[in-house]
């Protein structure tokens, strides 16, 4: 009696792989959100610094008058 083995995945194997991917995504999602928040904060700090430099340059060129 020769058995022919079929090539492919069973439904159980496929569900296990999907579950592992979902668990890994659930673990990594908060880490990516924290990194995104930190990037937004550093960009905001950089923008504030650029605005302060621009105001200083403006006031030095207009005899101390501030922009409207």
PDB file of N, CA and C in Angstrom:
ATOM      1  N   UNK A   1       0.820  -1.170   0.000  1.00  0.00           N
ATOM      2  CA  UNK A   1       0.000   0.000   0.000  1.00  0.00           C
ATOM      3  C   UNK A   1       0.877   1.251   0.000  1.00  0.00           C
ATOM      4  N   UNK A   2       0.914   1.943  -1.095  1.00  0.00           N
ATOM      5  CA  UNK A   2       1.701   3.170  -1.192  1.00  0.00           C
ATOM      6  C   UNK A   2       0.798   4.373  -0.944  1.00  0.00           C
ATOM      7  N   UNK A   3       1.278   5.226  -0.047  1.00  0.00           N
ATOM      8  CA  UNK A   3       0.527   6.453   0.232  1.00  0.00           C
ATOM      9  C   UNK A   3       1.154   7.600  -0.536  1.00  0.00           C
ATOM     10  N   UNK A   4       0.329   8.395  -1.142  1.00  0.00           N
ATOM     11  CA  UNK A   4       0.797   9.562  -1.870  1.00  0.00           C
ATOM     12  C   UNK A   4       0.585  10.770  -0.961  1.00  0.00           C
ATOM     13  N   UNK A   5       1.673  11.477  -0.665  1.00  0.00           N
ATOM     14  CA  UNK A   5       1.577  12.637   0.210  1.00  0.00           C
ATOM     15  C   UNK A   5       1.297  13.874  -0.649  1.00  0.00           C
ATOM     16  N   UNK A   6       0.281  14.599  -0.252  1.00  0.00           N
ATOM     17  CA  UNK A   6      -0.069  15.811  -0.978  1.00  0.00           C
ATOM     18  C   UNK A   6       0.795  16.971  -0.485  1.00  0.00           C
ATOM     19  N   UNK A   7       1.155  17.826  -1.405  1.00  0.00           N
ATOM     20  CA  UNK A   7       1.969  18.982  -1.078  1.00  0.00           C
ATOM     21  C   UNK A   7       1.053  20.147  -0.757  1.00  0.00           C
ATOM     22  N   UNK A   8       1.323  20.841   0.352  1.00  0.00           N
ATOM     23  CA  UNK A   8       0.519  21.998   0.725  1.00  0.00           C
ATOM     24  C   UNK A   8       0.332  22.067   2.221  1.00  0.00           C
ATOM     25  N   UNK A   9      -0.350  23.098   2.663  1.00  0.00           N
ATOM     26  CA  UNK A   9      -0.598  23.294   4.082  1.00  0.00           C
ATOM     27  C   UNK A   9      -2.006  22.843   4.431  1.00  0.00           C
ATOM     28  N   UNK A  10      -2.150  22.378   5.651  1.00  0.00           N
ATOM     29  CA  UNK A  10      -3.491  22.064   6.133  1.00  0.00           C
ATOM     30  C   UNK A  10      -4.099  23.324   6.723  1.00  0.00           C
ATOM     31  N   UNK A  11      -5.357  23.276   6.978  1.00  0.00           N
ATOM     32  CA  UNK A  11      -6.053  24.427   7.539  1.00  0.00           C
ATOM     33  C   UNK A  11      -5.524  24.755   8.932  1.00  0.00           C
ATOM     34  N   UNK A  12      -5.233  23.762   9.713  1.00  0.00           N
ATOM     35  CA  UNK A  12      -4.708  23.974  11.068  1.00  0.00           C
ATOM     36  C   UNK A  12      -3.359  24.686  11.012  1.00  0.00           C
ATOM     37  N   UNK A  13      -2.483  24.246  10.120  1.00  0.00           N
ATOM     38  CA  UNK A  13      -1.175  24.898   9.995  1.00  0.00           C
ATOM     39  C   UNK A  13      -1.322  26.353   9.584  1.00  0.00           C
ATOM     40  N   UNK A  14      -2.213  26.616   8.681  1.00  0.00           N
ATOM     41  CA  UNK A  14      -2.448  27.980   8.228  1.00  0.00           C
ATOM     42  C   UNK A  14      -2.984  28.854   9.360  1.00  0.00           C
ATOM     43  N   UNK A  15      -3.914  28.340  10.146  1.00  0.00           N
ATOM     44  CA  UNK A  15      -4.462  29.090  11.270  1.00  0.00           C
ATOM     45  C   UNK A  15      -3.415  29.354  12.346  1.00  0.00           C
ATOM     46  N   UNK A  16      -2.533  28.400  12.568  1.00  0.00           N
ATOM     47  CA  UNK A  16      -1.458  28.593  13.557  1.00  0.00           C
ATOM     48  C   UNK A  16      -0.526  29.705  13.103  1.00  0.00           C
ATOM     49  N   UNK A  17      -0.162  29.725  11.839  1.00  0.00           N
ATOM     50  CA  UNK A  17       0.719  30.771  11.323  1.00  0.00           C
ATOM     51  C   UNK A  17       0.050  32.132  11.427  1.00  0.00           C
ATOM     52  N   UNK A  18      -1.225  32.221  11.109  1.00  0.00           N
ATOM     53  CA  UNK A  18      -1.949  33.489  11.217  1.00  0.00           C
ATOM     54  C   UNK A  18      -2.017  33.945  12.674  1.00  0.00           C
ATOM     55  N   UNK A  19      -2.226  33.025  13.582  1.00  0.00           N
ATOM     56  CA  UNK A  19      -2.278  33.378  15.008  1.00  0.00           C
ATOM     57  C   UNK A  19      -0.930  33.885  15.494  1.00  0.00           C
ATOM     58  N   UNK A  20       0.161  33.267  15.072  1.00  0.00           N
ATOM     59  CA  UNK A  20       1.496  33.719  15.476  1.00  0.00           C
ATOM     60  C   UNK A  20       1.766  35.120  14.942  1.00  0.00           C
ATOM     61  N   UNK A  21       1.401  35.376  13.699  1.00  0.00           N
ATOM     62  CA  UNK A  21       1.590  36.710  13.117  1.00  0.00           C
ATOM     63  C   UNK A  21       0.754  37.740  13.876  1.00  0.00           C
ATOM     64  N   UNK A  22      -0.466  37.400  14.248  1.00  0.00           N
ATOM     65  CA  UNK A  22      -1.324  38.329  14.993  1.00  0.00           C
ATOM     66  C   UNK A  22      -0.747  38.632  16.374  1.00  0.00           C
ATOM     67  N   UNK A  23      -0.185  37.633  17.033  1.00  0.00           N
ATOM     68  CA  UNK A  23       0.427  37.843  18.353  1.00  0.00           C
ATOM     69  C   UNK A  23       1.650  38.742  18.232  1.00  0.00           C
ATOM     70  N   UNK A  24       2.477  38.513  17.239  1.00  0.00           N
ATOM     71  CA  UNK A  24       3.659  39.357  17.040  1.00  0.00           C
ATOM     72  C   UNK A  24       3.253  40.799  16.717  1.00  0.00           C
ATOM     73  N   UNK A  25       2.230  40.974  15.922  1.00  0.00           N
ATOM     74  CA  UNK A  25       1.762  42.319  15.592  1.00  0.00           C
ATOM     75  C   UNK A  25       1.228  43.020  16.838  1.00  0.00           C
ATOM     76  N   UNK A  26       0.519  42.300  17.685  1.00  0.00           N
ATOM     77  CA  UNK A  26      -0.015  42.883  18.918  1.00  0.00           C
ATOM     78  C   UNK A  26       1.102  43.289  19.872  1.00  0.00           C
ATOM     79  N   UNK A  27       2.194  42.557  19.864  1.00  0.00           N
ATOM     80  CA  UNK A  27       3.333  42.894  20.725  1.00  0.00           C
ATOM     81  C   UNK A  27       4.071  44.116  20.178  1.00  0.00           C
ATOM     82  N   UNK A  28       4.259  44.191  18.876  1.00  0.00           N
ATOM     83  CA  UNK A  28       5.056  45.256  18.277  1.00  0.00           C
ATOM     84  C   UNK A  28       4.291  46.554  18.057  1.00  0.00           C
ATOM     85  N   UNK A  29       2.974  46.531  18.025  1.00  0.00           N
ATOM     86  CA  UNK A  29       2.181  47.727  17.737  1.00  0.00           C
ATOM     87  C   UNK A  29       2.438  48.857  18.730  1.00  0.00           C
ATOM     88  N   UNK A  30       2.437  48.625  20.046  1.00  0.00           N
ATOM     89  CA  UNK A  30       2.701  49.727  20.978  1.00  0.00           C
ATOM     90  C   UNK A  30       4.109  50.303  20.839  1.00  0.00           C
ATOM     91  N   UNK A  31       5.070  49.487  20.469  1.00  0.00           N
ATOM     92  CA  UNK A  31       6.436  49.971  20.294  1.00  0.00           C
ATOM     93  C   UNK A  31       6.497  50.934  19.115  1.00  0.00           C
ATOM     94  N   UNK A  32       5.830  50.585  18.025  1.00  0.00           N
ATOM     95  CA  UNK A  32       5.824  51.465  16.857  1.00  0.00           C
ATOM     96  C   UNK A  32       5.074  52.761  17.148  1.00  0.00           C
ATOM     97  N   UNK A  33       4.008  52.696  17.932  1.00  0.00           N
ATOM     98  CA  UNK A  33       3.268  53.907  18.282  1.00  0.00           C
ATOM     99  C   UNK A  33       4.115  54.824  19.155  1.00  0.00           C
ATOM    100  N   UNK A  34       4.893  54.263  20.076  1.00  0.00           N
ATOM    101  CA  UNK A  34       5.763  55.083  20.921  1.00  0.00           C
ATOM    102  C   UNK A  34       6.842  55.762  20.076  1.00  0.00           C
ATOM    103  N   UNK A  35       7.394  55.051  19.123  1.00  0.00           N
ATOM    104  CA  UNK A  35       8.409  55.636  18.250  1.00  0.00           C
ATOM    105  C   UNK A  35       7.810  56.744  17.390  1.00  0.00           C
ATOM    106  N   UNK A  36       6.596  56.552  16.930  1.00  0.00           N
ATOM    107  CA  UNK A  36       5.928  57.572  16.117  1.00  0.00           C
ATOM    108  C   UNK A  36       5.665  58.822  16.945  1.00  0.00           C
ATOM    109  N   UNK A  37       5.253  58.650  18.194  1.00  0.00           N
ATOM    110  CA  UNK A  37       5.007  59.783  19.079  1.00  0.00           C
ATOM    111  C   UNK A  37       6.297  60.542  19.369  1.00  0.00           C
ATOM    112  N   UNK A  38       7.374  59.815  19.609  1.00  0.00           N
ATOM    113  CA  UNK A  38       8.664  60.462  19.861  1.00  0.00           C
ATOM    114  C   UNK A  38       9.137  61.244  18.641  1.00  0.00           C
ATOM    115  N   UNK A  39       8.914  60.722  17.466  1.00  0.00           N
ATOM    116  CA  UNK A  39       9.309  61.421  16.238  1.00  0.00           C
ATOM    117  C   UNK A  39       8.500  62.705  16.066  1.00  0.00           C
ATOM    118  N   UNK A  40       7.204  62.663  16.367  1.00  0.00           N
ATOM    119  CA  UNK A  40       6.379  63.862  16.263  1.00  0.00           C
ATOM    120  C   UNK A  40       6.827  64.922  17.270  1.00  0.00           C
ATOM    121  N   UNK A  41       7.196  64.492  18.478  1.00  0.00           N
ATOM    122  CA  UNK A  41       7.646  65.435  19.496  1.00  0.00           C
ATOM    123  C   UNK A  41       8.945  66.109  19.082  1.00  0.00           C
ATOM    124  N   UNK A  42       9.883  65.350  18.562  1.00  0.00           N
ATOM    125  CA  UNK A  42      11.157  65.949  18.148  1.00  0.00           C
ATOM    126  C   UNK A  42      10.952  66.882  16.960  1.00  0.00           C
ATOM    127  N   UNK A  43      10.036  66.560  16.066  1.00  0.00           N
ATOM    128  CA  UNK A  43       9.740  67.445  14.944  1.00  0.00           C
ATOM    129  C   UNK A  43       9.111  68.740  15.440  1.00  0.00           C
ATOM    130  N   UNK A  44       8.241  68.666  16.428  1.00  0.00           N
ATOM    131  CA  UNK A  44       7.607  69.851  16.985  1.00  0.00           C
ATOM    132  C   UNK A  44       8.642  70.755  17.663  1.00  0.00           C
ATOM    133  N   UNK A  45       9.561  70.169  18.408  1.00  0.00           N
ATOM    134  CA  UNK A  45      10.613  70.949  19.056  1.00  0.00           C
ATOM    135  C   UNK A  45      11.488  71.627  18.013  1.00  0.00           C
ATOM    136  N   UNK A  46      11.791  70.929  16.952  1.00  0.00           N
ATOM    137  CA  UNK A  46      12.591  71.513  15.881  1.00  0.00           C
ATOM    138  C   UNK A  46      11.854  72.678  15.220  1.00  0.00           C
ATOM    139  N   UNK A  47      10.563  72.525  14.986  1.00  0.00           N
ATOM    140  CA  UNK A  47       9.774  73.599  14.382  1.00  0.00           C
ATOM    141  C   UNK A  47       9.727  74.834  15.271  1.00  0.00           C
ATOM    142  N   UNK A  48       9.593  74.646  16.578  1.00  0.00           N
ATOM    143  CA  UNK A  48       9.567  75.776  17.504  1.00  0.00           C
ATOM    144  C   UNK A  48      10.909  76.501  17.478  1.00  0.00           C
ATOM    145  N   UNK A  49      12.003  75.750  17.420  1.00  0.00           N
ATOM    146  CA  UNK A  49      13.323  76.366  17.331  1.00  0.00           C
ATOM    147  C   UNK A  49      13.486  77.178  16.058  1.00  0.00           C
ATOM    148  N   UNK A  50      12.995  76.662  14.951  1.00  0.00           N
ATOM    149  CA  UNK A  50      13.088  77.383  13.687  1.00  0.00           C
ATOM    150  C   UNK A  50      12.240  78.667  13.722  1.00  0.00           C
ATOM    151  N   UNK A  51      11.068  78.591  14.331  1.00  0.00           N
ATOM    152  CA  UNK A  51      10.233  79.790  14.449  1.00  0.00           C
ATOM    153  C   UNK A  51      10.907  80.850  15.313  1.00  0.00           C
ATOM    154  N   UNK A  52      11.532  80.438  16.399  1.00  0.00           N
ATOM    155  CA  UNK A  52      12.201  81.426  17.254  1.00  0.00           C
ATOM    156  C   UNK A  52      13.377  82.070  16.523  1.00  0.00           C
ATOM    157  N   UNK A  53      14.108  81.303  15.743  1.00  0.00           N
ATOM    158  CA  UNK A  53      15.201  81.873  14.949  1.00  0.00           C
ATOM    159  C   UNK A  53      14.667  82.866  13.921  1.00  0.00           C
ATOM    160  N   UNK A  54      13.557  82.533  13.292  1.00  0.00           N
ATOM    161  CA  UNK A  54      12.972  83.418  12.285  1.00  0.00           C
ATOM    162  C   UNK A  54      12.512  84.733  12.920  1.00  0.00           C
ATOM    163  N   UNK A  55      11.909  84.661  14.100  1.00  0.00           N
ATOM    164  CA  UNK A  55      11.453  85.883  14.779  1.00  0.00           C
ATOM    165  C   UNK A  55      12.646  86.737  15.190  1.00  0.00           C
ATOM    166  N   UNK A  56      13.711  86.088  15.668  1.00  0.00           N
ATOM    167  CA  UNK A  56      14.910  86.839  16.041  1.00  0.00           C
ATOM    168  C   UNK A  56      15.513  87.544  14.831  1.00  0.00           C
ATOM    169  N   UNK A  57      15.582  86.861  13.697  1.00  0.00           N
ATOM    170  CA  UNK A  57      16.114  87.488  12.489  1.00  0.00           C
ATOM    171  C   UNK A  57      15.224  88.639  12.025  1.00  0.00           C
ATOM    172  N   UNK A  58      13.915  88.456  12.132  1.00  0.00           N
ATOM    173  CA  UNK A  58      12.981  89.502  11.717  1.00  0.00           C
ATOM    174  C   UNK A  58      13.141  90.738  12.597  1.00  0.00           C
ATOM    175  N   UNK A  59      13.188  90.529  13.914  1.00  0.00           N
ATOM    176  CA  UNK A  59      13.294  91.670  14.831  1.00  0.00           C
ATOM    177  C   UNK A  59      14.639  92.376  14.689  1.00  0.00           C
ATOM    178  N   UNK A  60      15.702  91.654  14.375  1.00  0.00           N
ATOM    179  CA  UNK A  60      16.996  92.307  14.195  1.00  0.00           C
ATOM    180  C   UNK A  60      17.024  93.127  12.903  1.00  0.00           C
ATOM    181  N   UNK A  61      16.224  92.780  11.943  1.00  0.00           N
ATOM    182  CA  UNK A  61      16.193  93.505  10.682  1.00  0.00           C
ATOM    183  C   UNK A  61      15.186  94.646  10.657  1.00  0.00           C
ATOM    184  N   UNK A  62      14.286  94.703  11.637  1.00  0.00           N
ATOM    185  CA  UNK A  62      13.244  95.737  11.651  1.00  0.00           C
ATOM    186  C   UNK A  62      13.335  96.612  12.907  1.00  0.00           C
ATOM    187  N   UNK A  63      14.527  96.768  13.433  1.00  0.00           N
ATOM    188  CA  UNK A  63      14.764  97.621  14.609  1.00  0.00           C
ATOM    189  C   UNK A  63      13.916  97.209  15.820  1.00  0.00           C
ATOM    190  N   UNK A  64      13.830  95.939  16.061  1.00  0.00           N
ATOM    191  CA  UNK A  64      13.151  95.442  17.266  1.00  0.00           C
ATOM    192  C   UNK A  64      11.654  95.303  17.153  1.00  0.00           C
ATOM    193  N   UNK A  65      11.055  95.546  16.005  1.00  0.00           N
ATOM    194  CA  UNK A  65       9.610  95.396  15.858  1.00  0.00           C
ATOM    195  C   UNK A  65       9.272  93.929  15.630  1.00  0.00           C
ATOM    196  N   UNK A  66       8.225  93.465  16.304  1.00  0.00           N
ATOM    197  CA  UNK A  66       7.791  92.073  16.157  1.00  0.00           C
ATOM    198  C   UNK A  66       6.840  91.956  14.977  1.00  0.00           C
ATOM    199  N   UNK A  67       6.779  90.792  14.361  1.00  0.00           N
ATOM    200  CA  UNK A  67       5.824  90.600  13.261  1.00  0.00           C
ATOM    201  C   UNK A  67       4.392  90.555  13.804  1.00  0.00           C
ATOM    202  N   UNK A  68       3.454  90.871  12.958  1.00  0.00           N
ATOM    203  CA  UNK A  68       2.055  90.858  13.382  1.00  0.00           C
ATOM    204  C   UNK A  68       1.601  89.469  13.675  1.00  0.00           C
TER     205      UNK A  68
END
